[in-house]
């Protein structure tokens, strides 16, 4: 049982021991916008938030989809 608890602790810290370092499986929630168009949302681990040196008041990042990958970086503006 202790092994499972240690694994769960790792997950809460943004480290999933089942995946190579820095990689996580995230869930996308699909809903509809006010206009009725589909929209997708996902949460990133807080560890990544800290790695980007974001402050809790900073709500905007730069994201792009390129060659089948999503790239997220800090918005320096």
N, C-alpha and C. Protein backbone atom coordinates (compact mmCIF):
# COMPACT_ATOMS: atom_id res chain seq x y z
N UNK A 1 0.83 -1.20 0.00
CA UNK A 1 0.00 0.00 0.00
C UNK A 1 0.86 1.25 0.00
N UNK A 2 2.02 1.19 0.68
CA UNK A 2 2.88 2.36 0.75
C UNK A 2 3.39 2.77 -0.62
N UNK A 3 3.70 1.78 -1.49
CA UNK A 3 4.16 2.08 -2.84
C UNK A 3 3.13 2.91 -3.60
N UNK A 4 1.86 2.56 -3.48
CA UNK A 4 0.78 3.29 -4.16
C UNK A 4 0.70 4.71 -3.64
N UNK A 5 0.82 4.91 -2.33
CA UNK A 5 0.78 6.25 -1.75
C UNK A 5 1.95 7.09 -2.25
N UNK A 6 3.14 6.50 -2.35
CA UNK A 6 4.31 7.22 -2.84
C UNK A 6 4.08 7.62 -4.30
N UNK A 7 3.50 6.72 -5.09
CA UNK A 7 3.22 7.01 -6.49
C UNK A 7 2.22 8.16 -6.60
N UNK A 8 1.18 8.14 -5.77
CA UNK A 8 0.19 9.21 -5.79
C UNK A 8 0.82 10.54 -5.38
N UNK A 9 1.73 10.51 -4.41
CA UNK A 9 2.41 11.74 -4.00
C UNK A 9 3.19 12.30 -5.18
N UNK A 10 3.86 11.45 -5.94
CA UNK A 10 4.60 11.88 -7.12
C UNK A 10 3.68 12.53 -8.14
N UNK A 11 2.48 11.97 -8.32
CA UNK A 11 1.52 12.53 -9.27
C UNK A 11 1.11 13.94 -8.86
N UNK A 12 0.89 14.17 -7.58
CA UNK A 12 0.49 15.49 -7.11
C UNK A 12 1.59 16.51 -7.32
N UNK A 13 2.83 16.07 -7.39
CA UNK A 13 3.95 16.99 -7.58
C UNK A 13 4.26 17.21 -9.05
N UNK A 14 3.45 16.69 -9.94
CA UNK A 14 3.69 16.86 -11.37
C UNK A 14 4.65 15.85 -11.93
N UNK A 15 4.89 14.77 -11.19
CA UNK A 15 5.78 13.71 -11.66
C UNK A 15 4.99 12.42 -11.71
N UNK A 16 4.75 11.91 -12.87
CA UNK A 16 4.05 10.64 -13.00
C UNK A 16 5.10 9.60 -13.33
N UNK A 17 5.31 8.66 -12.43
CA UNK A 17 6.37 7.69 -12.57
C UNK A 17 6.14 6.70 -13.71
N UNK A 18 4.93 6.69 -14.29
CA UNK A 18 4.64 5.79 -15.39
C UNK A 18 5.07 6.35 -16.74
N UNK A 19 5.52 7.58 -16.79
CA UNK A 19 5.89 8.25 -18.02
C UNK A 19 7.30 8.78 -17.91
N UNK A 20 7.95 8.94 -19.05
CA UNK A 20 9.30 9.48 -19.01
C UNK A 20 9.28 10.90 -18.44
N UNK A 21 10.40 11.34 -17.92
CA UNK A 21 10.50 12.62 -17.22
C UNK A 21 9.92 13.76 -18.06
N UNK A 22 9.09 14.58 -17.45
CA UNK A 22 8.54 15.75 -18.11
C UNK A 22 7.32 15.49 -18.96
N UNK A 23 6.83 14.28 -19.00
CA UNK A 23 5.70 13.95 -19.85
C UNK A 23 4.55 13.43 -19.00
N UNK A 24 3.35 13.93 -19.25
CA UNK A 24 2.17 13.51 -18.50
C UNK A 24 1.02 13.25 -19.44
N UNK A 25 0.13 12.37 -19.05
CA UNK A 25 -1.11 12.18 -19.79
C UNK A 25 -2.15 13.10 -19.16
N UNK A 26 -2.70 14.01 -19.95
CA UNK A 26 -3.68 14.97 -19.46
C UNK A 26 -5.04 14.68 -20.08
N UNK A 27 -6.09 15.07 -19.39
CA UNK A 27 -7.45 14.89 -19.87
C UNK A 27 -7.97 16.20 -20.44
N UNK A 28 -8.56 16.14 -21.63
CA UNK A 28 -9.17 17.32 -22.24
C UNK A 28 -10.66 17.24 -22.01
N UNK A 29 -11.23 18.33 -21.50
CA UNK A 29 -12.67 18.43 -21.29
C UNK A 29 -13.25 19.21 -22.47
N UNK A 30 -14.22 18.63 -23.15
CA UNK A 30 -14.84 19.29 -24.30
C UNK A 30 -16.22 19.78 -23.89
N UNK A 31 -16.47 21.04 -24.19
CA UNK A 31 -17.77 21.64 -23.90
C UNK A 31 -18.17 22.53 -25.06
N UNK A 32 -19.15 23.37 -24.82
CA UNK A 32 -19.59 24.30 -25.85
C UNK A 32 -19.44 25.72 -25.34
N UNK A 33 -19.02 26.60 -26.24
CA UNK A 33 -18.91 28.01 -25.88
C UNK A 33 -20.31 28.61 -25.85
N UNK A 34 -20.40 29.87 -25.47
CA UNK A 34 -21.70 30.54 -25.43
C UNK A 34 -22.36 30.59 -26.80
N UNK A 35 -21.57 30.55 -27.86
CA UNK A 35 -22.10 30.56 -29.22
C UNK A 35 -22.45 29.16 -29.73
N UNK A 36 -22.20 28.14 -28.92
CA UNK A 36 -22.53 26.78 -29.30
C UNK A 36 -21.41 26.03 -30.00
N UNK A 37 -20.23 26.65 -30.13
CA UNK A 37 -19.09 25.98 -30.78
C UNK A 37 -18.35 25.12 -29.76
N UNK A 38 -17.83 23.97 -30.21
CA UNK A 38 -17.06 23.13 -29.29
C UNK A 38 -15.77 23.82 -28.84
N UNK A 39 -15.40 23.61 -27.60
CA UNK A 39 -14.17 24.16 -27.05
C UNK A 39 -13.53 23.11 -26.15
N UNK A 40 -12.22 23.06 -26.13
CA UNK A 40 -11.50 22.10 -25.30
C UNK A 40 -10.71 22.81 -24.22
N UNK A 41 -10.63 22.20 -23.05
CA UNK A 41 -9.88 22.75 -21.92
C UNK A 41 -9.10 21.63 -21.26
N UNK A 42 -7.91 21.98 -20.74
CA UNK A 42 -7.15 21.01 -19.96
C UNK A 42 -6.35 21.76 -18.91
N UNK A 43 -6.06 21.07 -17.84
CA UNK A 43 -5.24 21.62 -16.77
C UNK A 43 -3.82 21.11 -16.93
N UNK A 44 -2.86 21.99 -16.61
CA UNK A 44 -1.47 21.54 -16.62
C UNK A 44 -1.01 21.37 -15.17
N UNK A 45 -0.06 20.50 -14.94
CA UNK A 45 0.44 20.30 -13.58
C UNK A 45 1.05 21.60 -13.03
N UNK A 46 0.87 21.82 -11.74
CA UNK A 46 1.41 23.02 -11.11
C UNK A 46 2.92 23.08 -11.24
N UNK A 47 3.58 21.94 -11.29
CA UNK A 47 5.04 21.88 -11.49
C UNK A 47 5.42 22.60 -12.79
N UNK A 48 4.64 22.42 -13.84
CA UNK A 48 4.92 23.09 -15.12
C UNK A 48 4.68 24.59 -14.98
N UNK A 49 3.62 24.95 -14.27
CA UNK A 49 3.30 26.35 -14.01
C UNK A 49 4.50 27.04 -13.36
N UNK A 50 5.08 26.37 -12.37
CA UNK A 50 6.25 26.93 -11.68
C UNK A 50 7.46 26.95 -12.60
N UNK A 51 7.63 25.93 -13.43
CA UNK A 51 8.78 25.87 -14.34
C UNK A 51 8.76 27.01 -15.35
N UNK A 52 7.56 27.48 -15.72
CA UNK A 52 7.44 28.62 -16.62
C UNK A 52 7.62 29.95 -15.89
N UNK A 53 7.86 29.89 -14.58
CA UNK A 53 8.01 31.09 -13.73
C UNK A 53 6.79 31.99 -13.80
N UNK A 54 5.62 31.38 -13.78
CA UNK A 54 4.37 32.14 -13.80
C UNK A 54 3.96 32.48 -12.37
N UNK A 55 3.31 33.60 -12.24
CA UNK A 55 2.72 34.02 -10.97
C UNK A 55 1.23 33.68 -11.03
N UNK A 56 0.60 33.42 -9.88
CA UNK A 56 -0.84 33.11 -9.90
C UNK A 56 -1.70 34.17 -10.59
N UNK A 57 -1.27 35.42 -10.55
CA UNK A 57 -2.05 36.48 -11.20
C UNK A 57 -1.88 36.50 -12.72
N UNK A 58 -0.84 35.83 -13.23
CA UNK A 58 -0.62 35.76 -14.68
C UNK A 58 -1.52 34.68 -15.27
N UNK A 59 -2.46 35.09 -16.07
CA UNK A 59 -3.44 34.15 -16.61
C UNK A 59 -3.19 33.80 -18.07
N UNK A 60 -2.32 34.54 -18.76
CA UNK A 60 -2.13 34.33 -20.19
C UNK A 60 -0.76 33.75 -20.50
N UNK A 61 -0.75 32.78 -21.39
CA UNK A 61 0.48 32.19 -21.92
C UNK A 61 0.35 32.20 -23.44
N UNK A 62 1.44 31.92 -24.12
CA UNK A 62 1.42 31.78 -25.57
C UNK A 62 1.40 30.29 -25.89
N UNK A 63 0.45 29.86 -26.70
CA UNK A 63 0.35 28.44 -27.08
C UNK A 63 0.19 28.36 -28.59
N UNK A 64 0.83 27.34 -29.17
CA UNK A 64 0.64 27.12 -30.60
C UNK A 64 0.64 25.62 -30.86
N UNK A 65 -0.06 25.25 -31.91
CA UNK A 65 -0.12 23.86 -32.35
C UNK A 65 0.72 23.77 -33.62
N UNK A 66 1.77 22.96 -33.57
CA UNK A 66 2.70 22.87 -34.68
C UNK A 66 3.14 21.42 -34.87
N UNK A 67 3.00 20.91 -36.05
CA UNK A 67 3.41 19.54 -36.38
C UNK A 67 2.85 18.50 -35.40
N UNK A 68 1.59 18.66 -35.03
CA UNK A 68 0.95 17.68 -34.15
C UNK A 68 1.31 17.81 -32.68
N UNK A 69 1.96 18.91 -32.29
CA UNK A 69 2.33 19.14 -30.89
C UNK A 69 1.81 20.50 -30.43
N UNK A 70 1.46 20.59 -29.17
CA UNK A 70 1.08 21.86 -28.57
C UNK A 70 2.27 22.38 -27.78
N UNK A 71 2.65 23.61 -28.08
CA UNK A 71 3.79 24.24 -27.41
C UNK A 71 3.25 25.41 -26.58
N UNK A 72 3.60 25.43 -25.29
CA UNK A 72 3.15 26.49 -24.38
C UNK A 72 4.38 27.20 -23.85
N UNK A 73 4.37 28.55 -23.89
CA UNK A 73 5.48 29.32 -23.33
C UNK A 73 4.93 30.54 -22.60
N UNK A 74 5.75 31.09 -21.77
CA UNK A 74 5.37 32.25 -20.98
C UNK A 74 5.17 33.45 -21.90
N UNK A 75 4.14 34.25 -21.60
CA UNK A 75 3.90 35.50 -22.33
C UNK A 75 4.69 36.59 -21.61
N UNK A 76 5.72 37.09 -22.24
CA UNK A 76 6.61 38.08 -21.60
C UNK A 76 6.08 39.51 -21.71
N UNK A 77 4.88 39.71 -22.20
CA UNK A 77 4.33 41.07 -22.29
C UNK A 77 3.70 41.50 -21.00
